[in-house]
Amino acid sequence: MKKQLSNVPQKGYSDWFAEDFAVQQYIFDTWRKVCKSFGYEEYLTPLMELADIYRAKSGEDIGGKELMTCVDRGGRELAIRPEMTPSVTRMVSRKYNELAKPIRYFSIANFVRNEKPQRGRTREFWQLNYDIFGSDSLLADIEVIQMGIEIMLAFNPPKNSFKLYLNNRKLIDDILNNKCGIENNNKTDVVRILDKWDKFDKQELTERLIELGLNSSQIKNLTLFAEGKSFDQLIKNFPDIDSNLGYKDIMESIDVLSSLGYKDYVVFNPSVIRGFDYYDGLVFEVFDMQPQNVRSIFGGGRYNGLASLFGKSSFPAVGCAPGNVTTLLFLQDWGILPEVSTVADYLVTVFSEELKNESVKIAKTLRDEGKNVELSFTVGNLSKQIAYARKRGIKYVVIIGDDEVKKGQYKIEKL
């Protein structure tokens, strides 16, 4: 007996029927419009790369257990891209010296991570990635942050529906090096714990840090930093921290963004770490303020050292990556997802066998005028054709009968 295959997509993956994809396209079109308004150019990289590109700096989850890999016929281990940053850095490194700087690039692409599907997380997902290469200026960081806010505002969200939390890896390094005395070989592991600080209870956090060799004094200082929620509290706990370059960058960024009208959106938050190992400057995350769903929607930051993975001199880079899944949840939860039509505006009916060609010509004429038009495949029985148009949600039907042909006209009826 022939094996019957399932017509259901695999867990964590989705079919995109027309009405579903239209919503996704609305999100993509909004992203694309904002990026182009800032002068960014669109690009794309291959779906698969050498697995080591992601293992090097994507972190223990995304570059490890979540990586979907295979071996090609040449014996090379490849991975489906789980994120874009290593891929676009590799691509830019090929022509970096030839390109005018700064380089402003964006892409909208799909990715796969072998993680447990849950609300806000699927195995296949789409992301906007926008990045600036070739500028160390703080203005580049500020622009990327500004775009993150403008992307959210482009969806017309309610007041106080989202916040952008800002931190700096330089500030974190100062805390780890000078306030906690944590050695470099432990720093990456400690940063990864900091990134998940709110996901563990205090006992588990303490146990994990003790396993890394931290003493009670180091853990205390680390806790003071991670659980501080304001500049005043940070200065109180670490009085000389205001001389840190990372601290100064945060302060200046907030000042500039406030002057641009974004004061109500930008907040310093020491718990924002960003789990990728390549971040080395300002980092930020945009959070949904829905009371029952306070979660990160997307984030980004500066990553100046990533190009060295490809045997090239490091070059400045800063970027951000909003995702479709969390964006859609935000729009749904706040009730701001607009109705998006997938159907044509006009249905040209076919009155009779003799007038089929007339209907085909009228449909072409309307399309040449820029209208979206369906041609009916039902001949005669206008009531059936009109019923179909209503079921589809088509706004207008075009009728070309004997009288219309004689007069050289056609009739449009609004449904």
Protein backbone atom coordinates (compact mmCIF):
# COMPACT_ATOMS: atom_id res chain seq x y z
CA MET A 1 0.00 0.00 0.00
CA LYS A 2 1.34 3.40 -0.95
CA LYS A 3 2.40 5.48 2.05
CA GLN A 4 0.22 8.52 2.61
CA LEU A 5 2.17 11.68 3.38
CA SER A 6 0.96 14.33 5.77
CA ASN A 7 -0.18 17.64 4.30
CA VAL A 8 0.55 19.47 7.57
CA PRO A 9 3.81 21.49 7.92
CA GLN A 10 6.41 20.32 10.40
CA LYS A 11 6.29 21.62 13.98
CA GLY A 12 7.65 25.15 14.19
CA TYR A 13 7.08 25.85 10.48
CA SER A 14 4.07 27.40 8.72
CA ASP A 15 2.19 27.42 5.46
CA TRP A 16 1.41 30.96 4.37
CA PHE A 17 -2.02 31.07 2.79
CA ALA A 18 -2.81 34.25 0.89
CA GLU A 19 -4.55 36.02 3.79
CA ASP A 20 -1.70 35.10 6.17
CA PHE A 21 1.02 36.14 3.78
CA ALA A 22 -0.73 39.45 3.13
CA VAL A 23 -0.30 40.28 6.82
CA GLN A 24 3.36 39.30 6.64
CA GLN A 25 3.76 41.45 3.54
CA TYR A 26 2.24 44.40 5.37
CA ILE A 27 4.94 44.01 8.03
CA PHE A 28 7.66 43.60 5.38
CA ASP A 29 6.45 46.63 3.40
CA THR A 30 6.46 48.76 6.57
CA TRP A 31 10.02 47.68 7.39
CA ARG A 32 11.17 48.32 3.82
CA LYS A 33 9.59 51.78 3.71
CA VAL A 34 11.38 52.90 6.91
CA CYS A 35 14.75 51.53 5.75
CA LYS A 36 14.52 53.23 2.37
CA SER A 37 13.54 56.51 4.04
CA PHE A 38 16.94 56.45 5.80
CA GLY A 39 18.82 55.67 2.57
CA TYR A 40 19.50 51.94 3.09
CA GLU A 41 20.08 49.57 0.16
CA GLU A 42 18.59 46.07 0.00
CA TYR A 43 20.76 42.94 -0.28
CA LEU A 44 20.52 39.17 0.28
CA THR A 45 22.95 36.41 1.26
CA PRO A 46 22.77 32.63 0.66
CA LEU A 47 20.38 30.54 2.72
CA MET A 48 23.26 28.26 3.74
CA GLU A 49 26.77 29.07 4.99
CA LEU A 50 29.65 27.17 6.53
CA ALA A 51 28.49 26.16 10.02
CA ASP A 52 31.64 27.56 11.63
CA ILE A 53 30.61 31.10 10.65
CA TYR A 54 27.81 30.88 13.21
CA ARG A 55 29.64 28.77 15.77
CA ALA A 56 32.36 31.37 16.14
CA LYS A 57 30.37 34.28 17.58
CA SER A 58 26.62 33.58 17.61
CA GLY A 59 26.56 32.28 21.18
CA GLU A 60 26.10 28.87 22.73
CA ASP A 61 22.40 28.54 21.80
CA ILE A 62 22.11 29.96 18.28
CA GLY A 63 25.61 28.86 17.27
CA GLY A 64 25.27 25.52 19.05
CA LYS A 65 22.22 23.42 19.83
CA GLU A 66 19.87 25.51 17.66
CA LEU A 67 22.01 25.27 14.52
CA MET A 68 20.47 23.22 11.66
CA THR A 69 23.37 21.58 9.83
CA CYS A 70 24.11 19.14 7.01
CA VAL A 71 27.17 17.87 5.14
CA ASP A 72 27.36 18.55 1.41
CA ARG A 73 28.87 16.24 -1.23
CA GLY A 74 32.24 17.88 -0.76
CA GLY A 75 32.28 17.00 2.93
CA ARG A 76 31.71 20.59 4.07
CA GLU A 77 29.46 21.13 7.08
CA LEU A 78 26.86 23.74 6.19
CA ALA A 79 24.16 25.41 8.27
CA ILE A 80 20.88 27.06 7.39
CA ARG A 81 21.35 30.65 8.51
CA PRO A 82 20.00 31.17 12.06
CA GLU A 83 20.75 34.91 11.91
CA MET A 84 22.08 37.41 9.36
CA THR A 85 24.90 39.31 11.09
CA PRO A 86 27.75 36.83 10.42
CA SER A 87 26.53 36.34 6.83
CA VAL A 88 26.30 40.01 5.92
CA THR A 89 29.65 40.71 7.62
CA ARG A 90 31.22 37.96 5.51
CA MET A 91 29.65 39.43 2.38
CA VAL A 92 30.68 43.03 3.13
CA SER A 93 34.24 41.93 3.99
CA ARG A 94 34.67 40.81 0.34
CA LYS A 95 34.25 44.34 -1.03
CA TYR A 96 34.72 46.53 2.03
CA ASN A 97 37.68 48.48 0.61
CA GLU A 98 35.85 49.17 -2.67
CA LEU A 99 32.57 50.42 -1.20
CA ALA A 100 31.88 54.03 -0.23
CA LYS A 101 31.54 54.37 3.53
CA PRO A 102 29.35 54.35 5.48
CA ILE A 103 27.58 51.34 3.96
CA ARG A 104 23.88 51.22 4.81
CA TYR A 105 22.37 47.81 4.01
CA PHE A 106 19.11 46.05 4.84
CA SER A 107 17.52 42.69 4.03
CA ILE A 108 14.29 40.83 4.75
CA ALA A 109 14.96 37.10 4.82
CA ASN A 110 13.94 33.82 6.45
CA PHE A 111 15.96 31.90 9.05
CA VAL A 112 15.80 28.57 10.89
CA ARG A 113 16.71 27.69 14.48
CA ASN A 114 16.27 24.25 16.00
CA GLU A 115 14.57 25.49 19.14
CA LYS A 116 11.40 24.59 21.01
CA PRO A 117 8.41 26.31 19.36
CA GLN A 118 6.40 28.48 21.75
CA ARG A 119 4.51 31.76 21.78
CA GLY A 120 6.75 34.28 20.07
CA ARG A 121 9.21 31.64 18.82
CA THR A 122 9.04 29.42 15.74
CA ARG A 123 11.72 27.35 14.08
CA GLU A 124 11.40 29.20 10.80
CA PHE A 125 10.99 32.96 11.01
CA TRP A 126 11.63 36.14 9.04
CA GLN A 127 13.72 39.11 10.07
CA LEU A 128 14.53 42.57 8.90
CA ASN A 129 18.26 43.16 9.29
CA TYR A 130 19.58 46.68 8.84
CA ASP A 131 23.22 47.60 9.43
CA ILE A 132 25.76 50.38 9.02
CA PHE A 133 29.34 49.40 8.13
CA GLY A 134 32.37 51.66 8.10
CA SER A 135 31.54 54.26 10.75
CA ASP A 136 32.70 54.49 14.37
CA SER A 137 30.60 57.60 14.91
CA LEU A 138 28.10 57.49 17.76
CA LEU A 139 25.70 59.07 15.26
CA ALA A 140 25.61 55.69 13.47
CA ASP A 141 24.53 53.95 16.68
CA ILE A 142 21.95 56.66 17.30
CA GLU A 143 20.58 56.30 13.76
CA VAL A 144 20.14 52.53 14.19
CA ILE A 145 18.34 53.12 17.49
CA GLN A 146 16.21 55.87 15.94
CA MET A 147 15.20 53.53 13.13
CA GLY A 148 14.14 50.92 15.66
CA ILE A 149 11.78 53.45 17.22
CA GLU A 150 10.55 54.68 13.83
CA ILE A 151 9.82 51.10 12.75
CA MET A 152 7.60 50.68 15.79
CA LEU A 153 5.92 54.06 15.27
CA ALA A 154 5.20 53.17 11.63
CA PHE A 155 2.65 50.62 12.90
CA ASN A 156 0.73 53.40 14.74
CA PRO A 157 0.98 51.85 18.22
CA PRO A 158 -0.86 53.19 21.28
CA LYS A 159 0.97 55.48 23.67
CA ASN A 160 3.23 53.66 26.16
CA SER A 161 2.93 50.37 24.26
CA PHE A 162 6.69 49.89 23.87
CA LYS A 163 10.04 51.00 25.31
CA LEU A 164 13.61 50.85 24.04
CA TYR A 165 16.07 49.70 26.71
CA LEU A 166 19.67 50.80 26.24
CA ASN A 167 22.97 49.52 27.65
CA ASN A 168 26.64 49.33 26.59
CA ARG A 169 29.03 46.39 26.52
CA LYS A 170 31.88 48.78 27.45
CA LEU A 171 30.04 49.62 30.65
CA ILE A 172 29.44 45.91 31.30
CA ASP A 173 33.15 45.17 30.71
CA ASP A 174 34.10 47.87 33.22
CA ILE A 175 31.79 46.32 35.82
CA LEU A 176 33.16 42.83 35.17
CA ASN A 177 36.83 43.84 35.00
CA ASN A 178 37.17 46.59 37.56
CA LYS A 179 34.23 46.16 39.95
CA CYS A 180 34.00 42.38 39.99
CA GLY A 181 37.56 41.38 39.09
CA ILE A 182 36.35 38.72 36.66
CA GLU A 183 39.08 37.28 34.46
CA ASN A 184 38.78 37.32 30.70
CA ASN A 185 38.46 33.58 30.35
CA ASN A 186 35.27 33.67 32.46
CA LYS A 187 33.84 36.87 31.03
CA THR A 188 31.92 35.34 28.10
CA ASP A 189 30.20 32.83 30.38
CA VAL A 190 29.30 35.52 32.91
CA VAL A 191 27.87 37.76 30.16
CA ARG A 192 25.70 34.87 28.99
CA ILE A 193 24.33 34.48 32.51
CA LEU A 194 23.71 38.23 32.73
CA ASP A 195 21.77 38.01 29.48
CA LYS A 196 19.39 35.51 31.11
CA TRP A 197 19.36 37.17 34.54
CA ASP A 198 15.59 37.63 34.75
CA LYS A 199 14.93 34.02 33.68
CA PHE A 200 16.57 32.42 36.76
CA ASP A 201 15.77 32.66 40.45
CA LYS A 202 18.49 34.07 42.71
CA GLN A 203 19.56 30.71 44.06
CA GLU A 204 20.12 29.28 40.61
CA LEU A 205 21.97 32.44 39.53
CA THR A 206 24.25 32.19 42.57
CA GLU A 207 24.94 28.51 41.92
CA ARG A 208 25.80 29.15 38.26
CA LEU A 209 28.16 31.99 39.16
CA ILE A 210 29.84 29.95 41.91
CA GLU A 211 30.40 27.19 39.34
CA LEU A 212 32.30 29.76 37.26
CA GLY A 213 34.53 30.51 40.25
CA LEU A 214 33.02 33.81 41.42
CA ASN A 215 33.18 34.65 45.12
CA SER A 216 30.47 36.31 47.23
CA SER A 217 31.87 39.82 46.75
CA GLN A 218 31.95 39.44 42.96
CA ILE A 219 28.41 38.05 42.92
CA LYS A 220 27.21 40.94 45.09
CA ASN A 221 28.64 43.58 42.74
CA LEU A 222 27.29 41.75 39.73
CA THR A 223 23.83 41.66 41.31
CA LEU A 224 23.99 45.37 42.16
CA PHE A 225 24.65 46.13 38.50
CA ALA A 226 22.14 43.69 36.97
CA GLU A 227 19.29 44.73 39.24
CA GLY A 228 19.87 48.48 39.09
CA LYS A 229 17.16 50.27 37.13
CA SER A 230 18.40 53.86 36.84
CA PHE A 231 21.48 56.02 36.36
CA ASP A 232 21.09 57.34 39.90
CA GLN A 233 21.17 53.84 41.31
CA LEU A 234 24.16 52.93 39.12
CA ILE A 235 26.15 55.97 40.32
CA LYS A 236 25.21 55.23 43.93
CA ASN A 237 26.45 51.62 43.67
CA PHE A 238 29.53 52.45 41.57
CA PRO A 239 30.45 56.14 42.22
CA ASP A 240 33.19 56.51 39.59
CA ILE A 241 31.32 54.75 36.77
CA ASP A 242 30.41 58.08 35.13
CA SER A 243 33.96 58.25 33.75
CA ASN A 244 33.37 55.09 31.71
CA LEU A 245 33.18 55.62 27.94
CA GLY A 246 30.23 53.25 27.65
CA TYR A 247 28.32 55.25 30.27
CA LYS A 248 29.08 58.50 28.41
CA ASP A 249 27.87 57.00 25.11
CA ILE A 250 24.58 55.98 26.74
CA MET A 251 24.08 59.44 28.21
CA GLU A 252 24.85 61.21 24.92
CA SER A 253 22.63 58.85 22.95
CA ILE A 254 19.70 59.45 25.28
CA ASP A 255 20.27 63.23 25.09
CA VAL A 256 20.28 63.22 21.27
CA LEU A 257 17.28 60.90 20.99
CA SER A 258 15.38 62.99 23.52
CA SER A 259 16.07 66.10 21.45
CA LEU A 260 14.56 64.29 18.45
CA GLY A 261 11.32 63.67 20.35
CA TYR A 262 11.97 60.11 21.54
CA LYS A 263 12.42 60.86 25.25
CA ASP A 264 9.42 58.78 26.32
CA TYR A 265 10.72 55.69 24.52
CA VAL A 266 14.39 55.38 25.54
CA VAL A 267 15.41 54.02 28.96
CA PHE A 268 18.75 52.88 30.42
CA ASN A 269 18.49 49.24 31.54
CA PRO A 270 21.57 47.29 32.78
CA SER A 271 19.83 43.94 32.30
CA VAL A 272 19.95 44.39 28.51
CA ILE A 273 23.04 42.42 27.46
CA ARG A 274 22.28 40.83 24.05
CA GLY A 275 23.46 37.22 24.10
CA PHE A 276 25.57 37.28 20.96
CA ASP A 277 29.31 37.18 21.66
CA TYR A 278 30.15 39.70 18.93
CA TYR A 279 28.58 42.80 20.52
CA ASP A 280 31.17 45.27 21.86
CA GLY A 281 29.46 48.67 22.25
CA LEU A 282 25.96 50.09 22.61
CA VAL A 283 23.25 47.41 22.77
CA PHE A 284 19.49 47.83 22.93
CA GLU A 285 16.21 45.94 22.95
CA VAL A 286 12.68 47.08 22.17
CA PHE A 287 10.17 45.73 24.69
CA ASP A 288 6.42 45.22 24.43
CA MET A 289 4.71 46.87 27.42
CA GLN A 290 1.58 44.69 27.23
CA PRO A 291 1.06 43.88 30.94
CA GLN A 292 0.55 40.15 30.36
CA ASN A 293 3.23 39.95 27.68
CA VAL A 294 6.24 42.07 28.67
CA ARG A 295 8.88 40.69 26.31
CA SER A 296 11.63 41.71 23.94
CA ILE A 297 10.37 42.33 20.42
CA PHE A 298 13.81 42.86 18.84
CA GLY A 299 17.23 44.31 19.50
CA GLY A 300 20.59 45.30 18.11
CA GLY A 301 23.90 46.97 18.80
CA ARG A 302 27.50 47.56 17.78
CA TYR A 303 29.81 44.73 16.67
CA ASN A 304 33.14 46.10 15.43
CA GLY A 305 35.27 42.97 15.60
CA LEU A 306 33.33 40.40 13.62
CA ALA A 307 35.11 40.83 10.27
CA SER A 308 38.33 39.38 11.71
CA LEU A 309 36.67 35.94 11.48
CA PHE A 310 37.14 36.13 7.71
CA GLY A 311 40.83 37.05 7.77
CA LYS A 312 40.10 40.72 7.25
CA SER A 313 40.91 43.75 9.34
CA SER A 314 38.08 44.55 11.71
CA PHE A 315 35.78 47.31 10.56
CA PRO A 316 33.07 49.27 12.40
CA ALA A 317 29.55 47.85 12.30
CA VAL A 318 26.24 48.45 14.05
CA GLY A 319 22.82 46.98 13.30
CA CYS A 320 19.45 45.69 14.36
CA ALA A 321 17.10 42.79 13.54
CA PRO A 322 13.31 43.00 14.07
CA GLY A 323 11.48 39.69 13.62
CA ASN A 324 8.09 38.92 12.07
CA VAL A 325 6.77 36.68 14.86
CA THR A 326 7.18 39.07 17.78
CA THR A 327 6.10 42.01 15.61
CA LEU A 328 2.89 40.22 14.65
CA LEU A 329 2.16 39.38 18.30
CA PHE A 330 2.66 43.05 19.21
CA LEU A 331 0.21 44.17 16.52
CA GLN A 332 -2.36 41.53 17.49
CA ASP A 333 -2.13 42.04 21.25
CA TRP A 334 -2.58 45.80 20.94
CA GLY A 335 -5.37 45.45 18.37
CA ILE A 336 -3.59 47.53 15.72
CA LEU A 337 -3.31 44.99 12.91
CA PRO A 338 -5.15 46.53 9.94
CA GLU A 339 -7.39 44.61 7.59
CA VAL A 340 -5.28 43.67 4.60
CA SER A 341 -7.06 42.70 1.38
CA THR A 342 -5.68 39.92 -0.80
CA VAL A 343 -8.30 40.03 -3.54
CA ALA A 344 -8.75 41.94 -6.77
CA ASP A 345 -10.94 45.04 -6.82
CA TYR A 346 -12.85 44.02 -9.97
CA LEU A 347 -14.43 40.87 -11.35
CA VAL A 348 -15.14 41.00 -15.09
CA THR A 349 -18.09 38.74 -15.75
CA VAL A 350 -18.65 36.66 -18.90
CA PHE A 351 -22.19 37.19 -20.22
CA SER A 352 -22.19 34.51 -22.94
CA GLU A 353 -19.99 32.36 -25.15
CA GLU A 354 -20.31 34.96 -27.90
CA LEU A 355 -19.03 37.76 -25.63
CA LYS A 356 -16.10 35.94 -24.00
CA ASN A 357 -13.53 37.84 -26.03
CA GLU A 358 -15.13 41.17 -25.09
CA SER A 359 -14.76 40.29 -21.41
CA VAL A 360 -11.12 39.32 -21.89
CA LYS A 361 -10.44 42.64 -23.66
CA ILE A 362 -12.15 44.71 -20.95
CA ALA A 363 -10.17 42.88 -18.25
CA LYS A 364 -6.94 43.75 -20.07
CA THR A 365 -8.01 47.38 -20.47
CA LEU A 366 -8.68 47.73 -16.75
CA ARG A 367 -5.33 46.10 -15.88
CA ASP A 368 -3.57 48.47 -18.28
CA GLU A 369 -5.10 51.29 -16.21
CA GLY A 370 -3.41 49.86 -13.11
CA LYS A 371 -6.43 48.10 -11.60
CA ASN A 372 -6.41 44.63 -10.04
CA VAL A 373 -8.82 42.50 -12.03
CA GLU A 374 -10.10 38.92 -12.01
CA LEU A 375 -11.74 37.42 -15.09
CA SER A 376 -14.64 35.07 -14.42
CA PHE A 377 -14.30 31.56 -15.86
CA THR A 378 -18.04 30.96 -15.52
CA VAL A 379 -19.97 31.63 -18.74
CA GLY A 380 -23.50 33.04 -18.32
CA ASN A 381 -25.39 32.76 -15.00
CA LEU A 382 -24.53 36.26 -13.76
CA SER A 383 -26.05 35.59 -10.34
CA LYS A 384 -23.54 32.80 -9.76
CA GLN A 385 -20.66 35.05 -10.84
CA ILE A 386 -21.85 37.87 -8.57
CA ALA A 387 -22.22 35.43 -5.66
CA TYR A 388 -18.61 34.36 -6.22
CA ALA A 389 -17.45 38.01 -6.16
CA ARG A 390 -19.28 38.61 -2.87
CA LYS A 391 -17.77 35.50 -1.30
CA ARG A 392 -14.30 36.60 -2.35
CA GLY A 393 -14.84 40.13 -1.09
CA ILE A 394 -14.41 41.74 -4.51
CA LYS A 395 -15.78 45.29 -4.52
CA TYR A 396 -16.96 45.69 -8.13
CA VAL A 397 -18.32 43.50 -10.92
CA VAL A 398 -18.06 44.51 -14.57
CA ILE A 399 -20.91 43.44 -16.84
CA ILE A 400 -20.59 43.35 -20.63
CA GLY A 401 -23.90 42.18 -22.13
CA ASP A 402 -25.38 42.58 -25.60
CA ASP A 403 -26.69 46.07 -24.84
CA GLU A 404 -23.34 47.23 -23.47
CA VAL A 405 -21.50 45.94 -26.55
CA LYS A 406 -23.91 47.72 -28.89
CA LYS A 407 -23.36 51.01 -27.01
CA GLY A 408 -19.60 50.45 -26.81
CA GLN A 409 -19.81 50.59 -23.03
CA TYR A 410 -19.54 48.33 -20.02
CA LYS A 411 -21.37 48.49 -16.70
CA ILE A 412 -19.67 48.54 -13.27
CA GLU A 413 -21.75 47.58 -10.25
CA LYS A 414 -20.55 48.07 -6.68
CA LEU A 415 -21.31 45.13 -4.40
